């Protein structure tokens, strides 16, 4: 995924904090579907800065697909799989399937929270500045 962002701050280690607008799942094309009311969220994220962009520069950032896919699996797929596994186990053992499914889902959410904290603690950078935005150059 690539996005045009503005550099907010350059850190001492050379990385840069950039303003990133996170789109909703519908990609923000409200005029195509008469609008759903989804809001965009502006965040400040840290990106590797191999081009040495400076504060105020408009640049293109890309995200590390592997890291994003791991997060998607942890947040969405693991709780869902554990829900169905718990439900099937509960039904197979003569227990309450919905209760066991709920417990499995809860374990999946706990794993997602742990994964998020573990990833944040490692300081893994997901974004990389790949170049100056087309037609923007330096500020």
Protein backbone atom coordinates (compact mmCIF):
# COMPACT_ATOMS: atom_id res chain seq x y z
CA UNK A 1 0.00 0.00 0.00
CA UNK A 2 1.34 3.43 -0.91
CA UNK A 3 0.12 6.77 0.34
CA UNK A 4 1.19 10.39 0.06
CA UNK A 5 1.95 11.87 3.49
CA UNK A 6 3.61 14.92 5.00
CA UNK A 7 6.68 14.70 7.24
CA UNK A 8 5.86 15.94 10.73
CA UNK A 9 9.21 15.44 12.48
CA UNK A 10 12.61 13.91 11.79
CA UNK A 11 13.96 11.81 14.66
CA UNK A 12 17.57 11.69 15.84
CA UNK A 13 17.91 8.13 14.53
CA UNK A 14 17.03 9.33 10.99
CA UNK A 15 13.49 7.94 10.91
CA UNK A 16 10.58 10.33 10.38
CA UNK A 17 7.18 10.80 11.96
CA UNK A 18 4.58 11.39 9.25
CA UNK A 19 0.89 12.32 9.17
CA UNK A 20 -0.98 9.28 7.84
CA UNK A 21 -4.68 9.38 6.99
CA UNK A 22 -6.16 5.97 7.70
CA UNK A 23 -9.04 5.26 5.38
CA UNK A 24 -12.02 3.14 6.32
CA UNK A 25 -12.43 -0.30 4.78
CA UNK A 26 -14.48 1.20 1.94
CA UNK A 27 -11.38 3.15 0.77
CA UNK A 28 -13.04 6.53 1.13
CA UNK A 29 -14.80 6.56 -2.24
CA UNK A 30 -18.01 7.99 -0.76
CA UNK A 31 -19.19 9.49 -4.03
CA UNK A 32 -19.45 5.98 -5.50
CA UNK A 33 -21.85 4.65 -2.88
CA UNK A 34 -23.66 7.80 -1.68
CA UNK A 35 -21.54 7.89 1.45
CA UNK A 36 -21.73 5.77 4.55
CA UNK A 37 -20.55 8.26 7.13
CA UNK A 38 -17.21 6.53 7.65
CA UNK A 39 -14.64 8.92 9.02
CA UNK A 40 -11.00 9.20 8.16
CA UNK A 41 -8.52 9.12 11.02
CA UNK A 42 -5.25 11.06 10.96
CA UNK A 43 -2.42 9.36 12.83
CA UNK A 44 1.25 10.06 13.32
CA UNK A 45 3.35 7.00 12.46
CA UNK A 46 7.09 6.41 12.30
CA UNK A 47 8.63 5.54 8.94
CA UNK A 48 12.11 4.62 7.82
CA UNK A 49 13.57 7.63 5.99
CA UNK A 50 16.23 6.47 3.51
CA UNK A 51 15.81 9.61 1.32
CA UNK A 52 16.40 11.94 4.29
CA UNK A 53 13.14 13.83 3.84
CA UNK A 54 12.77 16.93 5.99
CA UNK A 55 9.91 18.42 8.00
CA UNK A 56 7.12 19.62 5.72
CA UNK A 57 8.11 17.46 2.73
CA UNK A 58 5.35 15.58 0.94
CA UNK A 59 6.53 12.02 0.41
CA UNK A 60 5.25 8.62 -0.60
CA UNK A 61 5.26 5.90 2.04
CA UNK A 62 4.72 2.21 1.54
CA UNK A 63 3.83 -0.34 4.17
CA UNK A 64 5.50 -3.66 4.77
CA UNK A 65 2.95 -6.16 3.48
CA UNK A 66 4.27 -9.02 5.61
CA UNK A 67 3.82 -7.14 8.88
CA UNK A 68 0.36 -5.94 7.87
CA UNK A 69 -0.68 -9.50 6.95
CA UNK A 70 0.53 -10.81 10.33
CA UNK A 71 -1.59 -8.19 12.08
CA UNK A 72 -4.63 -9.08 9.98
CA UNK A 73 -4.21 -12.75 10.85
CA UNK A 74 -3.79 -12.01 14.56
CA UNK A 75 -6.74 -9.64 14.84
CA UNK A 76 -9.29 -11.22 12.52
CA UNK A 77 -8.47 -14.81 11.66
CA UNK A 78 -7.19 -16.24 14.97
CA UNK A 79 -10.30 -15.24 17.02
CA UNK A 80 -12.60 -16.53 14.28
CA UNK A 81 -10.81 -19.88 13.98
CA UNK A 82 -10.72 -20.30 17.76
CA UNK A 83 -14.45 -19.51 17.96
CA UNK A 84 -15.35 -22.25 15.48
CA UNK A 85 -12.86 -24.70 17.01
CA UNK A 86 -14.28 -24.06 20.48
CA UNK A 87 -17.83 -24.38 19.20
CA UNK A 88 -17.07 -27.70 17.46
CA UNK A 89 -15.18 -29.02 20.49
CA UNK A 90 -18.02 -28.05 22.80
CA UNK A 91 -20.65 -29.70 20.62
CA UNK A 92 -18.52 -32.81 20.15
CA UNK A 93 -17.97 -33.26 23.88
CA UNK A 94 -21.62 -32.67 24.75
CA UNK A 95 -20.96 -29.28 26.31
CA UNK A 96 -22.41 -25.94 25.32
CA UNK A 97 -21.10 -25.15 21.84
CA UNK A 98 -21.84 -21.41 22.03
CA UNK A 99 -20.16 -21.12 25.43
CA UNK A 100 -17.03 -22.94 24.26
CA UNK A 101 -17.05 -20.88 21.05
CA UNK A 102 -17.20 -17.71 23.12
CA UNK A 103 -14.28 -18.89 25.23
CA UNK A 104 -12.30 -19.65 22.07
CA UNK A 105 -13.12 -16.22 20.69
CA UNK A 106 -12.01 -14.64 23.98
CA UNK A 107 -8.71 -16.50 23.77
CA UNK A 108 -8.31 -15.23 20.21
CA UNK A 109 -8.86 -11.64 21.35
CA UNK A 110 -6.36 -12.10 24.17
CA UNK A 111 -3.85 -13.34 21.60
CA UNK A 112 -4.54 -10.29 19.40
CA UNK A 113 -3.89 -7.94 22.34
CA UNK A 114 -0.68 -9.79 23.22
CA UNK A 115 0.45 -9.66 19.57
CA UNK A 116 -0.20 -5.91 19.38
CA UNK A 117 1.80 -5.23 22.54
CA UNK A 118 4.61 -7.56 21.48
CA UNK A 119 4.88 -5.87 18.07
CA UNK A 120 4.84 -2.39 19.64
CA UNK A 121 7.54 -3.39 22.15
CA UNK A 122 9.81 -4.62 19.36
CA UNK A 123 9.51 -1.22 17.67
CA UNK A 124 9.03 -2.84 14.29
CA UNK A 125 8.72 -0.17 11.61
CA UNK A 126 5.93 -0.91 9.18
CA UNK A 127 6.32 2.12 6.89
CA UNK A 128 9.14 3.24 4.62
CA UNK A 129 9.44 6.55 2.77
CA UNK A 130 10.02 5.54 -0.85
CA UNK A 131 10.33 8.96 -2.51
CA UNK A 132 8.99 12.45 -2.85
CA UNK A 133 5.34 12.80 -3.83
CA UNK A 134 4.83 13.30 -7.58
CA UNK A 135 4.98 17.01 -8.41
CA UNK A 136 5.73 17.95 -4.79
CA UNK A 137 9.49 17.69 -4.34
CA UNK A 138 10.88 19.29 -1.22
CA UNK A 139 8.93 21.83 0.82
